Amino acid sequence: MAGSLSGRVALVTGAARGIGLAIATRLTEAGAHAIIHDRDVVATTAAAADLRARDLAASPLIADLAEVTAPSTMAAELMANGTEPDILVLCASVETLESWDAVSEAAMAAQTEINLHATLRLLQAFLPGMLARGFGRIIAIGSVQETRPNPTHFYYAATKAAQTNMILNLARTLGVPDVTCNIIQPGAILTDRNRAVLAQPGREEQVLARIPLGRLGRAEDCGGVALLLCSPEGAYINGAEIPVDGGMRL
């Protein structure tokens, strides 16, 4: 599928590292211009520079999605630059590990704000342009926690399930032939976020026991699925929940 996204612009949120960066990289390798979004100025700028050093098209976009006006400001900036996205990958999220009886107000507010409110604001900012142009790809990065939640992910799992419901609603109701909405649901992926958790005594062994393939995933494992969903070969995939979890959901 090399070159299959030539001329397309992909906005990937939370893309300074991890799954977001892996997806952005794969899309640029297929010819897209990737807008690398994150709130971390240094990491975002470096990620975009690294892609450009490989002669891939990438630009940084710094914004804190906890701010109500961030998506509209992002949209205005991209429109001014002539880089309105055809592809929106919703990867930015907040994940706080708390059991049901210990969910704090601060963690609840932060996860709701980014995982749900920012999702809707981003859709309102960028989906109308896709509908007007007659082409769009919306991909939300969900979680295996939606179907097989750990007790430590009580509220996080609920927010990701709600986000998935939003995307499935759009997939069913938009009714535009070349605008698709899908969800990728990663399992235990070895990202910076997960390394500290997996470093806890016995935790990695506990996680591996739940994965039929017997290994942790890599961020790059999500890139090929995202590319398929954005490419002509994936144009008839709509409303799909695609697990990338080594079978962990089973």
Protein backbone atom coordinates (compact mmCIF):
# COMPACT_ATOMS: atom_id res chain seq x y z
CA MET A 1 0.00 0.00 0.00
CA ALA A 2 3.00 2.28 -0.50
CA GLY A 3 1.88 5.61 -1.88
CA SER A 4 -1.79 4.76 -1.37
CA LEU A 5 -2.30 7.86 0.79
CA SER A 6 -0.52 10.32 -1.47
CA GLY A 7 -2.15 13.73 -1.13
CA ARG A 8 -3.95 12.87 2.11
CA VAL A 9 -3.49 14.73 5.40
CA ALA A 10 -3.69 12.75 8.65
CA LEU A 11 -4.10 14.40 12.04
CA VAL A 12 -3.01 11.99 14.77
CA THR A 13 -3.61 13.18 18.32
CA GLY A 14 -1.26 12.14 21.11
CA ALA A 15 1.32 11.26 18.47
CA ALA A 16 4.58 12.37 20.05
CA ARG A 17 5.30 8.79 21.09
CA GLY A 18 3.84 5.29 21.39
CA ILE A 19 0.89 4.07 19.33
CA GLY A 20 0.12 7.52 17.96
CA LEU A 21 3.62 8.00 16.60
CA ALA A 22 3.70 4.47 15.17
CA ILE A 23 0.45 5.11 13.30
CA ALA A 24 1.56 8.54 12.08
CA THR A 25 4.82 7.02 10.84
CA ARG A 26 3.05 4.27 8.93
CA LEU A 27 0.66 6.73 7.30
CA THR A 28 3.51 9.01 6.20
CA GLU A 29 5.33 6.00 4.73
CA ALA A 30 2.22 5.46 2.59
CA GLY A 31 2.39 9.05 1.33
CA ALA A 32 0.24 11.01 3.77
CA HIS A 33 1.23 14.28 5.39
CA ALA A 34 1.03 13.59 9.12
CA ILE A 35 0.09 16.30 11.59
CA ILE A 36 1.81 15.19 14.79
CA HIS A 37 -0.29 16.50 17.66
CA ASP A 38 0.61 16.46 21.33
CA ARG A 39 0.86 18.86 24.25
CA ASP A 40 4.55 18.00 24.81
CA VAL A 41 6.36 20.66 22.78
CA VAL A 42 9.80 19.06 22.81
CA ALA A 43 8.68 15.51 22.00
CA THR A 44 6.21 16.62 19.33
CA THR A 45 8.71 18.83 17.55
CA ALA A 46 11.34 16.09 17.68
CA ALA A 47 8.94 13.44 16.34
CA ALA A 48 7.98 15.59 13.35
CA ALA A 49 11.64 16.46 12.70
CA ASP A 50 12.62 12.78 12.77
CA LEU A 51 10.00 11.97 10.13
CA ARG A 52 11.08 14.89 7.95
CA ALA A 53 14.68 13.68 8.23
CA ARG A 54 13.48 10.51 6.48
CA ASP A 55 11.95 12.64 3.70
CA LEU A 56 8.47 11.98 5.05
CA ALA A 57 5.86 14.74 5.29
CA ALA A 58 5.13 15.74 8.87
CA SER A 59 4.29 18.85 10.87
CA PRO A 60 4.00 19.41 14.63
CA LEU A 61 0.82 20.75 16.21
CA ILE A 62 0.97 21.67 19.87
CA ALA A 63 -2.28 21.83 21.83
CA ASP A 64 -3.65 20.74 25.20
CA LEU A 65 -6.94 18.93 24.59
CA ALA A 66 -7.98 19.65 28.18
CA GLU A 67 -8.65 23.20 26.99
CA VAL A 68 -12.17 23.60 25.63
CA THR A 69 -11.04 25.77 22.71
CA ALA A 70 -8.12 23.56 21.65
CA PRO A 71 -9.84 21.66 18.79
CA SER A 72 -11.29 24.79 17.21
CA THR A 73 -7.92 26.54 17.48
CA MET A 74 -6.23 23.51 15.91
CA ALA A 75 -8.75 23.53 13.05
CA ALA A 76 -8.19 27.22 12.38
CA GLU A 77 -4.41 26.76 12.32
CA LEU A 78 -4.56 23.82 9.94
CA MET A 79 -7.00 25.59 7.63
CA ALA A 80 -4.69 28.61 7.51
CA ASN A 81 -1.80 26.30 6.58
CA GLY A 82 -3.81 24.49 3.90
CA THR A 83 -3.52 21.20 5.76
CA GLU A 84 -7.10 20.31 6.64
CA PRO A 85 -7.13 16.62 7.59
CA ASP A 86 -8.80 13.87 5.58
CA ILE A 87 -7.90 11.41 8.35
CA LEU A 88 -8.40 11.86 12.08
CA VAL A 89 -6.84 9.36 14.46
CA LEU A 90 -8.05 9.87 18.02
CA CYS A 91 -5.15 8.50 20.03
CA ALA A 92 -4.70 11.03 22.85
CA SER A 93 -6.12 9.74 26.11
CA VAL A 94 -5.76 9.82 29.88
CA GLU A 95 -5.50 6.50 31.70
CA THR A 96 -5.56 6.49 35.50
CA LEU A 97 -5.38 3.18 37.29
CA GLU A 98 -7.97 3.18 40.07
CA SER A 99 -10.45 0.60 41.36
CA TRP A 100 -14.15 1.42 41.64
CA ASP A 101 -13.94 2.32 45.31
CA ALA A 102 -10.94 4.62 44.87
CA VAL A 103 -11.82 6.66 41.76
CA SER A 104 -10.86 10.23 42.55
CA GLU A 105 -12.73 13.30 41.35
CA ALA A 106 -9.58 14.62 39.67
CA ALA A 107 -8.93 11.40 37.75
CA MET A 108 -12.58 11.09 36.78
CA ALA A 109 -12.62 14.66 35.46
CA ALA A 110 -9.36 14.28 33.52
CA GLN A 111 -10.36 11.02 31.84
CA THR A 112 -13.81 12.36 30.97
CA GLU A 113 -12.37 15.58 29.56
CA ILE A 114 -9.82 13.99 27.23
CA ASN A 115 -11.34 10.60 26.42
CA LEU A 116 -14.89 11.88 25.83
CA HIS A 117 -15.25 15.65 25.67
CA ALA A 118 -12.16 16.18 23.54
CA THR A 119 -13.26 13.37 21.23
CA LEU A 120 -16.55 15.12 20.54
CA ARG A 121 -14.90 18.53 20.13
CA LEU A 122 -12.38 17.11 17.65
CA LEU A 123 -15.17 15.46 15.67
CA GLN A 124 -17.11 18.73 15.60
CA ALA A 125 -13.99 20.58 14.46
CA PHE A 126 -12.85 18.25 11.67
CA LEU A 127 -15.66 15.95 10.56
CA PRO A 128 -17.74 18.66 8.81
CA GLY A 129 -14.85 19.34 6.41
CA MET A 130 -14.55 15.65 5.60
CA LEU A 131 -18.27 15.42 4.92
CA ALA A 132 -18.16 18.48 2.69
CA ARG A 133 -15.24 17.08 0.68
CA GLY A 134 -16.80 13.63 0.51
CA PHE A 135 -13.84 11.74 1.98
CA GLY A 136 -12.86 11.01 5.55
CA ARG A 137 -11.40 8.42 7.85
CA ILE A 138 -12.12 8.54 11.58
CA ILE A 139 -10.19 6.08 13.72
CA ALA A 140 -10.50 5.98 17.50
CA ILE A 141 -7.91 4.13 19.53
CA GLY A 142 -9.96 2.16 22.03
CA SER A 143 -8.77 -0.51 24.42
CA VAL A 144 -9.05 -4.18 25.27
CA GLN A 145 -10.30 -2.84 28.60
CA GLU A 146 -13.65 -2.19 26.93
CA THR A 147 -14.39 -5.90 26.69
CA ARG A 148 -12.14 -7.34 29.39
CA PRO A 149 -11.58 -4.64 31.99
CA ASN A 150 -9.19 -4.94 34.87
CA PRO A 151 -10.48 -3.74 38.25
CA THR A 152 -7.70 -1.12 38.20
CA HIS A 153 -9.13 0.42 35.01
CA PHE A 154 -12.70 0.87 36.24
CA TYR A 155 -13.38 4.41 35.02
CA TYR A 156 -10.91 4.43 32.14
CA ALA A 157 -12.58 1.37 30.61
CA ALA A 158 -15.96 3.05 30.88
CA THR A 159 -14.76 6.17 29.06
CA LYS A 160 -13.23 4.13 26.23
CA ALA A 161 -16.45 2.14 25.84
CA ALA A 162 -18.38 5.41 25.64
CA GLN A 163 -15.96 6.76 23.03
CA THR A 164 -16.47 3.61 20.96
CA ASN A 165 -20.23 4.14 21.17
CA MET A 166 -19.77 7.63 19.69
CA ILE A 167 -17.78 6.27 16.75
CA LEU A 168 -20.22 3.43 16.08
CA ASN A 169 -23.09 5.92 16.15
CA LEU A 170 -21.37 7.97 13.44
CA ALA A 171 -20.56 4.86 11.42
CA ARG A 172 -24.24 3.96 11.36
CA THR A 173 -25.76 7.40 10.86
CA LEU A 174 -23.47 9.58 8.71
CA GLY A 175 -24.45 7.89 5.46
CA VAL A 176 -21.64 9.35 3.30
CA PRO A 177 -20.17 6.69 0.95
CA ASP A 178 -16.48 7.50 1.48
CA VAL A 179 -16.45 8.59 5.12
CA THR A 180 -15.75 5.70 7.46
CA CYS A 181 -15.55 5.44 11.24
CA ASN A 182 -13.76 2.59 12.99
CA ILE A 183 -12.08 1.63 16.25
CA ILE A 184 -8.73 -0.06 16.87
CA GLN A 185 -8.61 -1.72 20.29
CA PRO A 186 -5.03 -2.38 21.43
CA GLY A 187 -4.22 -4.85 24.16
CA ALA A 188 -1.02 -4.92 26.20
CA ILE A 189 1.26 -2.79 24.04
CA LEU A 190 4.79 -2.05 25.25
CA THR A 191 4.60 1.75 25.30
CA ASP A 192 6.16 4.25 27.68
CA ARG A 193 2.83 4.44 29.50
CA ASN A 194 2.79 0.70 30.15
CA ARG A 195 6.46 0.13 30.95
CA ALA A 196 6.21 1.34 34.53
CA VAL A 197 3.18 -0.85 35.21
CA LEU A 198 4.77 -3.91 33.62
CA ALA A 199 7.92 -3.33 35.67
CA GLN A 200 6.03 -4.05 38.87
CA PRO A 201 7.05 -7.42 40.38
CA GLY A 202 5.14 -10.25 38.71
CA ARG A 203 2.96 -7.93 36.61
CA GLU A 204 4.41 -8.79 33.20
CA GLU A 205 4.04 -12.51 33.88
CA GLN A 206 0.43 -11.93 34.96
CA VAL A 207 -0.34 -10.04 31.75
CA LEU A 208 1.39 -12.57 29.50
CA ALA A 209 -0.69 -15.36 31.04
CA ARG A 210 -3.80 -13.67 29.59
CA ILE A 211 -2.42 -13.36 26.03
CA PRO A 212 -2.78 -16.45 23.80
CA LEU A 213 0.15 -15.34 21.60
CA GLY A 214 2.33 -15.20 24.70
CA ARG A 215 4.00 -11.86 23.97
CA LEU A 216 3.45 -8.17 24.49
CA GLY A 217 2.43 -6.08 21.51
CA ARG A 218 4.47 -3.34 19.86
CA ALA A 219 3.16 0.09 18.95
CA GLU A 220 3.94 -0.77 15.33
CA ASP A 221 1.41 -3.62 15.50
CA CYS A 222 -1.33 -0.97 15.34
CA GLY A 223 0.17 0.87 12.37
CA GLY A 224 -0.73 -1.65 9.68
CA VAL A 225 -4.36 -1.81 10.79
CA ALA A 226 -4.63 1.98 10.70
CA LEU A 227 -3.09 2.02 7.23
CA LEU A 228 -5.61 -0.54 5.98
CA LEU A 229 -8.52 1.50 7.35
CA CYS A 230 -7.22 4.65 5.63
CA SER A 231 -6.33 3.01 2.30
CA PRO A 232 -8.53 2.24 -0.71
CA GLU A 233 -8.31 -1.44 0.26
CA GLY A 234 -10.15 -0.65 3.49
CA ALA A 235 -12.78 1.68 2.05
CA TYR A 236 -15.68 -0.70 2.79
CA ILE A 237 -14.73 -1.23 6.43
CA ASN A 238 -17.07 0.87 8.55
CA GLY A 239 -18.18 0.51 12.15
CA ALA A 240 -15.53 -2.12 12.89
CA GLU A 241 -14.00 -2.75 16.30
CA ILE A 242 -10.64 -4.28 15.48
CA PRO A 243 -8.69 -5.83 18.36
CA VAL A 244 -4.90 -5.74 18.23
CA ASP A 245 -4.32 -7.69 21.41
CA GLY A 246 -2.83 -11.09 20.65
CA GLY A 247 -6.16 -12.63 21.65
CA MET A 248 -6.20 -11.06 25.13
CA ARG A 249 -9.93 -10.28 24.86
CA LEU A 250 -10.81 -13.99 24.58
